[in-house]
Amino acid sequence: MTRVVVAGNAEGGGVINTIKGKIVGLGPQLVEVDAPFSAGQQWEPDRAFETGKVIGVATYLTIKKYDAATKEVLKAPVVRRFGYRLDSVKTWQPVNWPAFYAQAAEVQAIGDADG
């Protein structure tokens, strides 16, 4: 399997740290890695360890706490980490920055209202 590195600034703090792992699954649009990145490191590049080539973007993780078949609580939750494969993007779209910032402000206002 290909070894990967995820770099990021987890939990803020202004310190870049690297987390090593390997690719454990590959789909048409997603890559699954076992590098234990946290929510603070989402949107960081997944890089091939040997070449430094960006292969994906760390995007999300899932935590399974129950057995799907028995519905019993698992002793240790199952965590899976995913990134979007960059080689699956056919064409890149330009960003309309004013619209992007307007949408970000709307999302922030909703978050502030939920407070």
Protein backbone atom coordinates (compact mmCIF):
# COMPACT_ATOMS: atom_id res chain seq x y z
CA MET A 1 0.00 0.00 0.00
CA THR A 2 1.04 3.57 -0.60
CA ARG A 3 2.18 5.46 2.47
CA VAL A 4 0.68 8.93 2.97
CA VAL A 5 1.23 12.02 5.09
CA VAL A 6 -1.48 14.46 6.18
CA ALA A 7 -0.22 17.83 7.38
CA GLY A 8 -2.26 20.33 9.30
CA ASN A 9 -2.82 22.69 12.15
CA ALA A 10 -5.00 20.54 14.39
CA GLU A 11 -6.99 22.36 17.03
CA GLY A 12 -5.39 25.67 16.03
CA GLY A 13 -2.24 26.53 17.92
CA GLY A 14 -0.28 27.63 14.86
CA VAL A 15 1.85 24.48 14.71
CA ILE A 16 2.01 22.32 11.61
CA ASN A 17 2.19 18.63 12.39
CA THR A 18 2.37 15.63 10.09
CA ILE A 19 0.48 12.41 10.51
CA LYS A 20 1.72 9.33 8.70
CA GLY A 21 -0.45 6.49 7.47
CA LYS A 22 -1.27 4.51 4.38
CA ILE A 23 -4.03 4.18 1.82
CA VAL A 24 -6.43 1.46 2.97
CA GLY A 25 -9.14 1.90 0.34
CA LEU A 26 -9.58 3.48 -3.05
CA GLY A 27 -12.85 4.35 -4.76
CA PRO A 28 -13.71 6.30 -7.88
CA GLN A 29 -13.94 9.61 -5.97
CA LEU A 30 -12.62 8.88 -2.48
CA VAL A 31 -9.43 7.60 -0.94
CA GLU A 32 -9.53 6.04 2.53
CA VAL A 33 -6.46 6.43 4.73
CA ASP A 34 -5.53 5.23 8.19
CA ALA A 35 -3.55 8.39 9.04
CA PRO A 36 -5.41 9.52 12.18
CA PHE A 37 -6.20 13.11 11.20
CA SER A 38 -8.70 14.99 13.34
CA ALA A 39 -11.51 17.38 12.49
CA GLY A 40 -9.03 20.27 12.76
CA GLN A 41 -7.01 18.84 9.90
CA GLN A 42 -9.79 18.51 7.35
CA TRP A 43 -9.12 20.08 3.97
CA GLU A 44 -5.42 19.39 4.24
CA PRO A 45 -3.66 17.53 1.42
CA ASP A 46 -3.09 13.79 1.55
CA ARG A 47 0.39 13.37 0.09
CA ALA A 48 2.12 10.23 -1.13
CA PHE A 49 5.00 9.79 1.33
CA GLU A 50 7.66 8.79 -1.20
CA THR A 51 6.90 11.33 -3.96
CA GLY A 52 5.18 14.22 -2.14
CA LYS A 53 2.44 14.17 -4.81
CA VAL A 54 -0.96 15.31 -3.53
CA ILE A 55 -3.38 12.42 -4.05
CA GLY A 56 -6.40 13.75 -2.22
CA VAL A 57 -7.79 16.21 0.29
CA ALA A 58 -8.55 15.03 3.83
CA THR A 59 -12.25 15.66 4.10
CA TYR A 60 -14.09 13.76 6.80
CA LEU A 61 -14.14 10.85 9.16
CA THR A 62 -16.89 8.54 10.34
CA ILE A 63 -17.14 6.95 13.75
CA LYS A 64 -19.16 3.77 14.07
CA LYS A 65 -20.17 3.01 17.66
CA TYR A 66 -22.69 0.22 17.01
CA ASP A 67 -22.48 -3.10 15.21
CA ALA A 68 -24.65 -2.78 12.09
CA ALA A 69 -26.00 -6.32 12.39
CA THR A 70 -26.62 -6.65 16.13
CA LYS A 71 -27.03 -2.96 17.07
CA GLU A 72 -24.82 -3.65 20.10
CA VAL A 73 -22.37 -1.03 21.30
CA LEU A 74 -18.82 -1.76 20.12
CA LYS A 75 -16.07 -1.86 22.76
CA ALA A 76 -13.87 0.35 20.59
CA PRO A 77 -15.48 2.62 17.99
CA VAL A 78 -14.50 2.03 14.35
CA VAL A 79 -13.08 5.19 12.78
CA ARG A 80 -12.69 5.61 9.02
CA ARG A 81 -11.02 8.63 7.38
CA PHE A 82 -11.65 9.78 3.82
CA GLY A 83 -10.37 12.29 1.33
CA TYR A 84 -11.53 13.32 -2.11
CA ARG A 85 -9.28 12.09 -4.90
CA LEU A 86 -7.87 14.95 -6.94
CA ASP A 87 -7.35 12.78 -10.01
CA SER A 88 -11.14 12.24 -10.22
CA VAL A 89 -11.81 15.94 -10.95
CA LYS A 90 -12.47 16.31 -14.68
CA THR A 91 -12.47 20.11 -14.87
CA TRP A 92 -11.84 22.76 -12.25
CA GLN A 93 -14.40 25.51 -11.97
CA PRO A 94 -13.44 29.12 -11.25
CA VAL A 95 -14.64 30.41 -7.90
CA ASN A 96 -17.05 33.34 -7.81
CA TRP A 97 -15.48 34.90 -4.70
CA PRO A 98 -18.22 37.46 -3.93
CA ALA A 99 -20.86 34.70 -4.01
CA PHE A 100 -18.63 32.43 -1.93
CA TYR A 101 -18.14 35.06 0.78
CA ALA A 102 -21.87 35.90 0.76
CA GLN A 103 -22.73 32.23 1.32
CA ALA A 104 -20.09 31.95 4.05
CA ALA A 105 -21.63 34.96 5.82
CA GLU A 106 -25.09 33.34 5.64
CA VAL A 107 -23.75 30.11 7.14
CA GLN A 108 -21.97 32.07 9.89
CA ALA A 109 -25.18 33.97 10.69
CA ILE A 110 -27.06 30.68 11.05
CA GLY A 111 -24.33 29.37 13.37
CA ASP A 112 -24.43 32.57 15.41
CA ALA A 113 -28.23 32.34 15.73
CA ASP A 114 -27.98 28.73 16.99
CA GLY A 115 -25.37 29.96 19.46
